[in-house]
N, C-alpha and C. Protein backbone atom coordinates (compact mmCIF):
# COMPACT_ATOMS: atom_id res chain seq x y z
N ALA A 1 -98.10 -2.21 1.90
CA ALA A 1 -99.23 -2.87 1.73
C ALA A 1 -100.34 -2.31 1.34
N ASP A 2 -100.58 -0.91 1.41
CA ASP A 2 -101.89 -0.04 1.21
C ASP A 2 -101.66 0.04 -0.23
N ALA A 3 -100.27 0.55 -0.93
CA ALA A 3 -100.18 0.69 -2.44
C ALA A 3 -100.59 -0.42 -3.08
N ALA A 4 -100.05 -1.77 -2.70
CA ALA A 4 -100.35 -2.81 -3.26
C ALA A 4 -101.86 -3.39 -3.36
N GLU A 5 -102.51 -3.28 -2.23
CA GLU A 5 -103.60 -3.45 -1.96
C GLU A 5 -104.41 -2.48 -3.00
N ALA A 6 -104.07 -1.14 -3.11
CA ALA A 6 -104.69 0.09 -3.96
C ALA A 6 -104.74 -0.71 -5.44
N LYS A 7 -103.84 -0.98 -5.87
CA LYS A 7 -103.38 -1.26 -7.25
C LYS A 7 -104.08 -2.85 -7.63
N ALA A 8 -104.10 -3.85 -6.62
CA ALA A 8 -105.03 -4.75 -6.70
C ALA A 8 -106.60 -4.24 -6.97
N LYS A 9 -106.88 -3.47 -6.09
CA LYS A 9 -108.50 -3.33 -6.06
C LYS A 9 -108.70 -2.01 -7.17
N ALA A 10 -107.95 -1.27 -7.95
CA ALA A 10 -108.10 -0.88 -8.86
C ALA A 10 -108.24 -1.48 -10.17
N GLU A 11 -107.41 -2.61 -10.33
CA GLU A 11 -107.73 -3.82 -11.24
C GLU A 11 -108.67 -4.76 -11.29
N ASN A 12 -109.25 -4.64 -10.06
CA ASN A 12 -110.27 -5.89 -9.54
C ASN A 12 -109.74 -7.14 -9.36
N TRP A 13 -108.46 -7.16 -9.15
CA TRP A 13 -107.74 -8.47 -8.93
C TRP A 13 -107.79 -8.79 -7.28
N ASN A 14 -108.19 -9.97 -7.13
CA ASN A 14 -108.29 -10.57 -5.74
C ASN A 14 -107.33 -11.05 -5.20
N VAL A 15 -106.22 -10.71 -4.57
CA VAL A 15 -105.23 -11.29 -4.06
C VAL A 15 -105.05 -11.29 -2.58
N VAL A 16 -103.99 -12.28 -1.93
CA VAL A 16 -103.10 -11.94 -0.82
C VAL A 16 -101.79 -10.99 -0.70
N ILE A 17 -101.58 -10.54 0.02
CA ILE A 17 -100.35 -9.49 0.18
C ILE A 17 -99.54 -9.59 1.71
N ALA A 18 -98.49 -10.50 1.26
CA ALA A 18 -97.50 -10.77 2.48
C ALA A 18 -96.43 -9.95 2.46
N ILE A 19 -96.29 -9.26 3.91
CA ILE A 19 -94.91 -8.76 4.05
C ILE A 19 -94.07 -9.41 5.01
N LEU A 20 -92.78 -9.58 4.76
CA LEU A 20 -92.23 -10.23 5.61
C LEU A 20 -90.85 -9.44 6.09
N ASP A 21 -90.39 -9.82 7.40
CA ASP A 21 -89.18 -8.86 7.63
C ASP A 21 -87.87 -9.76 7.34
N GLU A 22 -86.74 -9.03 7.46
CA GLU A 22 -85.34 -9.67 6.72
C GLU A 22 -85.07 -10.96 6.99
N GLY A 23 -85.87 -11.65 8.36
CA GLY A 23 -85.62 -12.94 8.61
C GLY A 23 -86.45 -13.82 7.99
N GLY A 24 -87.59 -13.42 7.21
CA GLY A 24 -88.24 -14.22 6.43
C GLY A 24 -89.62 -14.58 7.33
N HIS A 25 -89.86 -13.53 8.34
CA HIS A 25 -90.99 -13.78 9.14
C HIS A 25 -91.99 -12.98 8.79
N LEU A 26 -93.37 -13.39 9.04
CA LEU A 26 -94.42 -12.68 8.54
C LEU A 26 -94.59 -11.33 9.47
N ILE A 27 -94.90 -10.09 8.94
CA ILE A 27 -95.17 -9.08 9.76
C ILE A 27 -96.63 -8.51 9.70
N LEU A 28 -96.89 -8.87 8.27
CA LEU A 28 -98.18 -8.20 7.65
C LEU A 28 -99.00 -9.08 6.50
N LEU A 29 -100.33 -9.52 6.69
CA LEU A 29 -100.99 -10.18 5.91
C LEU A 29 -102.14 -9.45 5.22
N ARG A 30 -102.67 -9.28 4.25
CA ARG A 30 -103.75 -8.74 3.61
C ARG A 30 -104.64 -9.70 2.72
N ARG A 31 -105.71 -10.22 2.94
CA ARG A 31 -106.56 -11.01 2.26
C ARG A 31 -107.66 -10.26 1.45
N VAL A 32 -107.65 -10.08 0.46
CA VAL A 32 -108.83 -9.13 -0.41
C VAL A 32 -110.10 -10.35 -0.50
N ASP A 33 -111.33 -9.73 -0.08
CA ASP A 33 -112.23 -10.82 -0.30
C ASP A 33 -112.39 -11.26 -1.63
N GLY A 34 -112.74 -12.76 -1.42
CA GLY A 34 -112.81 -13.57 -2.87
C GLY A 34 -111.68 -14.34 -3.17
N VAL A 35 -110.58 -13.97 -2.52
CA VAL A 35 -109.46 -14.81 -2.89
C VAL A 35 -109.30 -16.28 -2.51
N GLN A 36 -108.71 -17.06 -3.15
CA GLN A 36 -108.58 -18.40 -2.96
C GLN A 36 -107.68 -18.47 -1.55
N ILE A 37 -107.99 -19.75 -0.84
CA ILE A 37 -107.29 -19.56 0.67
C ILE A 37 -105.87 -20.14 0.19
N GLY A 38 -105.64 -20.87 -0.85
CA GLY A 38 -104.32 -21.39 -1.05
C GLY A 38 -103.18 -20.42 -1.33
N SER A 39 -103.73 -18.88 -1.57
CA SER A 39 -102.94 -17.83 -2.00
C SER A 39 -102.37 -17.28 -0.57
N ILE A 40 -102.82 -17.57 0.48
CA ILE A 40 -102.17 -17.27 1.73
C ILE A 40 -101.01 -17.59 1.99
N GLU A 41 -100.51 -19.05 1.81
CA GLU A 41 -99.35 -19.60 1.81
C GLU A 41 -98.58 -19.01 0.64
N LEU A 42 -99.02 -19.12 -0.66
CA LEU A 42 -98.16 -18.88 -1.97
C LEU A 42 -97.63 -17.23 -1.59
N ALA A 43 -98.47 -16.33 -1.33
CA ALA A 43 -97.92 -15.01 -1.03
C ALA A 43 -96.75 -15.08 -0.04
N GLN A 44 -96.91 -15.71 0.98
CA GLN A 44 -95.75 -15.84 2.07
C GLN A 44 -94.40 -16.64 1.52
N THR A 45 -94.65 -17.57 0.72
CA THR A 45 -93.59 -18.55 0.08
C THR A 45 -93.12 -17.45 -1.07
N LYS A 46 -93.85 -16.79 -2.11
CA LYS A 46 -93.06 -15.67 -2.45
C LYS A 46 -92.23 -14.86 -2.04
N ALA A 47 -92.64 -14.37 -1.23
CA ALA A 47 -91.85 -13.24 -0.13
C ALA A 47 -90.46 -13.77 0.57
N LYS A 48 -91.01 -15.21 0.64
CA LYS A 48 -89.76 -15.72 1.56
C LYS A 48 -88.69 -16.19 0.30
N THR A 49 -88.93 -16.49 -0.68
CA THR A 49 -87.85 -16.45 -1.81
C THR A 49 -87.32 -15.32 -1.86
N ALA A 50 -87.75 -14.14 -1.88
CA ALA A 50 -87.28 -12.96 -1.97
C ALA A 50 -86.21 -12.48 -1.30
N VAL A 51 -86.59 -13.02 0.15
CA VAL A 51 -85.68 -12.65 1.30
C VAL A 51 -84.52 -13.66 1.28
N TYR A 52 -84.67 -15.06 1.10
CA TYR A 52 -83.69 -15.65 1.22
C TYR A 52 -82.71 -15.66 0.15
N TYR A 53 -82.87 -15.15 -1.07
CA TYR A 53 -82.06 -15.07 -1.91
C TYR A 53 -82.15 -13.60 -2.46
N LYS A 54 -82.38 -12.88 -2.00
CA LYS A 54 -82.29 -11.19 -2.14
C LYS A 54 -82.49 -10.99 -3.35
N ARG A 55 -83.47 -11.30 -4.16
CA ARG A 55 -83.76 -11.15 -5.44
C ARG A 55 -85.45 -11.63 -5.85
N PRO A 56 -85.91 -11.05 -6.64
CA PRO A 56 -87.32 -11.21 -7.02
C PRO A 56 -87.61 -12.73 -7.34
N SER A 57 -88.80 -13.02 -7.02
CA SER A 57 -88.85 -14.55 -7.39
C SER A 57 -89.13 -14.86 -8.76
N LYS A 58 -89.36 -14.13 -9.69
CA LYS A 58 -89.47 -13.98 -11.09
C LYS A 58 -88.31 -14.30 -11.71
N ILE A 59 -86.84 -14.02 -11.07
CA ILE A 59 -85.84 -14.61 -11.82
C ILE A 59 -85.68 -16.01 -11.48
N PHE A 60 -86.13 -16.93 -10.60
CA PHE A 60 -86.00 -18.19 -10.58
C PHE A 60 -87.40 -19.11 -11.82
N GLU A 61 -88.46 -17.96 -12.00
CA GLU A 61 -89.62 -18.60 -12.56
C GLU A 61 -89.04 -18.36 -14.14
N ASP A 62 -87.90 -17.15 -14.48
CA ASP A 62 -87.45 -17.42 -15.73
C ASP A 62 -86.33 -18.30 -15.98
N GLN A 63 -85.54 -18.56 -15.09
CA GLN A 63 -84.72 -19.74 -15.18
C GLN A 63 -85.49 -21.26 -15.54
N VAL A 64 -86.57 -21.45 -14.76
CA VAL A 64 -87.41 -22.64 -14.95
C VAL A 64 -87.85 -22.46 -16.09
N THR A 65 -88.61 -21.49 -16.62
CA THR A 65 -89.00 -21.16 -18.19
C THR A 65 -88.09 -21.78 -19.32
N GLN A 66 -86.78 -21.27 -18.78
CA GLN A 66 -85.50 -21.42 -19.60
C GLN A 66 -84.87 -22.51 -20.03
N GLY A 67 -85.73 -23.93 -19.03
CA GLY A 67 -85.32 -25.22 -19.14
C GLY A 67 -84.18 -25.27 -17.92
N ASN A 68 -83.78 -24.53 -16.84
CA ASN A 68 -82.90 -24.75 -15.82
C ASN A 68 -84.08 -25.10 -14.75
N ASN A 69 -83.75 -26.44 -14.26
CA ASN A 69 -84.63 -26.68 -13.45
C ASN A 69 -84.12 -26.76 -12.04
N ARG A 70 -82.67 -26.33 -11.92
CA ARG A 70 -81.83 -26.30 -10.41
C ARG A 70 -82.62 -25.68 -9.69
N PRO A 71 -83.31 -24.30 -9.85
CA PRO A 71 -84.24 -23.66 -8.79
C PRO A 71 -84.90 -24.61 -7.98
N LEU A 72 -85.70 -25.29 -8.64
CA LEU A 72 -86.72 -26.48 -8.01
C LEU A 72 -86.12 -27.14 -6.99
N THR A 73 -85.03 -27.27 -6.72
CA THR A 73 -84.21 -28.38 -5.84
C THR A 73 -83.58 -27.34 -4.92
N MET A 74 -83.85 -26.24 -4.80
CA MET A 74 -83.45 -25.19 -3.84
C MET A 74 -84.33 -25.04 -2.67
N PRO A 75 -83.83 -25.00 -1.39
CA PRO A 75 -84.90 -24.76 -0.46
C PRO A 75 -85.52 -23.17 -0.33
N HIS A 76 -86.61 -23.31 -0.16
CA HIS A 76 -87.44 -21.95 -0.06
C HIS A 76 -87.26 -21.32 -1.50
N VAL A 77 -87.49 -21.85 -2.62
CA VAL A 77 -87.46 -21.16 -3.65
C VAL A 77 -88.82 -21.50 -4.34
N PHE A 78 -89.72 -20.59 -4.50
CA PHE A 78 -90.82 -20.77 -5.38
C PHE A 78 -90.90 -20.05 -6.84
N ALA A 79 -90.85 -20.67 -7.84
CA ALA A 79 -90.14 -20.35 -8.92
C ALA A 79 -91.48 -19.60 -9.80
N SER A 80 -92.21 -18.24 -9.09
CA SER A 80 -93.24 -17.91 -9.70
C SER A 80 -93.12 -16.34 -9.38
N GLU A 81 -93.60 -15.53 -10.25
CA GLU A 81 -93.40 -14.05 -10.10
C GLU A 81 -94.22 -13.29 -9.02
N GLY A 82 -94.14 -12.55 -8.23
CA GLY A 82 -94.92 -12.05 -7.15
C GLY A 82 -93.95 -11.85 -5.87
N GLY A 83 -92.96 -12.37 -5.78
CA GLY A 83 -92.01 -12.05 -4.70
C GLY A 83 -90.84 -11.07 -5.11
N VAL A 84 -90.86 -10.03 -4.34
CA VAL A 84 -89.90 -8.87 -4.48
C VAL A 84 -89.27 -8.49 -3.13
N PRO A 85 -87.76 -8.24 -2.93
CA PRO A 85 -87.19 -8.11 -1.61
C PRO A 85 -87.36 -6.37 -1.65
N ILE A 86 -87.50 -6.19 -0.39
CA ILE A 86 -87.44 -4.83 0.09
C ILE A 86 -85.97 -4.51 0.56
N ILE A 87 -85.61 -3.43 -0.17
CA ILE A 87 -84.10 -3.12 0.14
C ILE A 87 -84.09 -1.31 0.19
N LYS A 88 -83.47 -1.03 1.29
CA LYS A 88 -83.68 0.24 1.80
C LYS A 88 -82.16 0.63 2.06
N ASP A 89 -81.78 1.63 1.27
CA ASP A 89 -80.33 2.06 1.69
C ASP A 89 -79.21 1.00 1.51
N GLY A 90 -79.57 0.02 0.62
CA GLY A 90 -78.54 -1.03 0.26
C GLY A 90 -78.66 -2.20 1.20
N VAL A 91 -79.44 -1.91 1.95
CA VAL A 91 -80.02 -3.08 3.01
C VAL A 91 -81.21 -3.85 2.85
N MET A 92 -81.20 -5.14 2.98
CA MET A 92 -82.23 -6.00 3.12
C MET A 92 -83.37 -5.68 4.43
N ILE A 93 -84.59 -5.29 4.16
CA ILE A 93 -85.36 -4.96 5.28
C ILE A 93 -86.43 -6.16 5.51
N GLY A 94 -86.75 -6.69 4.33
CA GLY A 94 -87.92 -7.59 4.07
C GLY A 94 -88.51 -8.01 2.61
N ALA A 95 -89.51 -8.33 2.52
CA ALA A 95 -90.00 -8.70 1.13
C ALA A 95 -91.59 -8.43 1.03
N ILE A 96 -91.91 -8.53 -0.19
CA ILE A 96 -93.72 -8.19 -0.25
C ILE A 96 -93.93 -9.87 -1.29
N GLY A 97 -94.86 -10.19 -0.99
CA GLY A 97 -95.32 -11.36 -1.88
C GLY A 97 -96.74 -11.33 -2.28
N VAL A 98 -97.12 -11.61 -3.28
CA VAL A 98 -98.42 -11.33 -3.84
C VAL A 98 -99.04 -12.52 -4.30
N SER A 99 -99.98 -13.08 -4.09
CA SER A 99 -100.64 -14.30 -4.98
C SER A 99 -102.14 -14.17 -4.77
N GLY A 100 -102.78 -14.69 -6.21
CA GLY A 100 -103.96 -14.56 -6.24
C GLY A 100 -104.53 -14.19 -7.83
N VAL A 101 -103.71 -13.92 -8.47
CA VAL A 101 -104.05 -13.90 -10.19
C VAL A 101 -102.69 -14.37 -10.75
N THR A 102 -102.82 -13.89 -12.06
CA THR A 102 -101.42 -14.34 -12.65
C THR A 102 -100.35 -14.19 -12.01
N SER A 103 -99.13 -14.59 -12.57
CA SER A 103 -97.96 -14.54 -11.95
C SER A 103 -97.34 -12.86 -12.31
N ILE A 104 -97.57 -12.92 -13.56
CA ILE A 104 -97.21 -11.17 -14.09
C ILE A 104 -98.06 -10.44 -13.47
N GLN A 105 -99.29 -10.38 -13.16
CA GLN A 105 -100.08 -9.77 -12.52
C GLN A 105 -99.76 -9.64 -10.94
N ASP A 106 -99.57 -10.77 -10.32
CA ASP A 106 -99.11 -10.77 -8.91
C ASP A 106 -97.92 -9.52 -8.86
N GLY A 107 -96.95 -9.76 -9.58
CA GLY A 107 -95.56 -8.93 -9.76
C GLY A 107 -95.88 -7.52 -10.07
N ILE A 108 -97.10 -7.10 -10.67
CA ILE A 108 -97.55 -5.73 -10.87
C ILE A 108 -97.85 -5.44 -9.47
N ILE A 109 -98.62 -5.95 -8.85
CA ILE A 109 -99.13 -5.57 -7.42
C ILE A 109 -98.00 -5.47 -6.56
N ALA A 110 -97.14 -6.42 -6.33
CA ALA A 110 -95.88 -6.26 -5.57
C ALA A 110 -94.92 -5.09 -5.97
N ALA A 111 -94.85 -4.80 -7.16
CA ALA A 111 -93.68 -3.68 -7.87
C ALA A 111 -94.60 -2.54 -7.12
N ALA A 112 -96.05 -2.23 -7.32
CA ALA A 112 -96.85 -1.21 -6.85
C ALA A 112 -96.65 -0.79 -5.30
N GLY A 113 -96.37 -2.03 -4.66
CA GLY A 113 -96.33 -1.99 -2.85
C GLY A 113 -94.81 -1.43 -2.79
N LEU A 114 -93.62 -1.93 -3.64
CA LEU A 114 -92.36 -1.35 -3.37
C LEU A 114 -91.89 0.07 -3.89
N ALA A 115 -93.25 0.47 -4.93
CA ALA A 115 -92.83 1.55 -5.46
C ALA A 115 -93.05 2.69 -4.25
N VAL A 116 -93.57 2.73 -3.27
CA VAL A 116 -94.01 3.70 -2.50
C VAL A 116 -92.68 3.93 -1.73
N LEU A 117 -91.60 2.99 -1.66
CA LEU A 117 -90.27 3.32 -1.03
C LEU A 117 -89.59 4.23 -1.79
């Protein structure tokens, strides 16, 4: 969370950063001053997508962008970049979700948080 927040602040991006455990339960939430309230739930939802499907939420965004609407009918899918699984030694241990700026920027921040592992 510290690395993700540092990246967001370095870019002047106001975001919410959510860290979930491997069961999809919130263990940490950071809300940078000035970010919209709706991003609190969106960050958690992006992280939950990554936990439930063990892949980045961007994969679902790409599918929808390419005309495949099936992900929109799947439970716990938010088809927007910014949710990434946290995998350590081949085991899913949780996920990071970011919301507040564009989906691409959310993804950049999430990747910065993941990079410290």
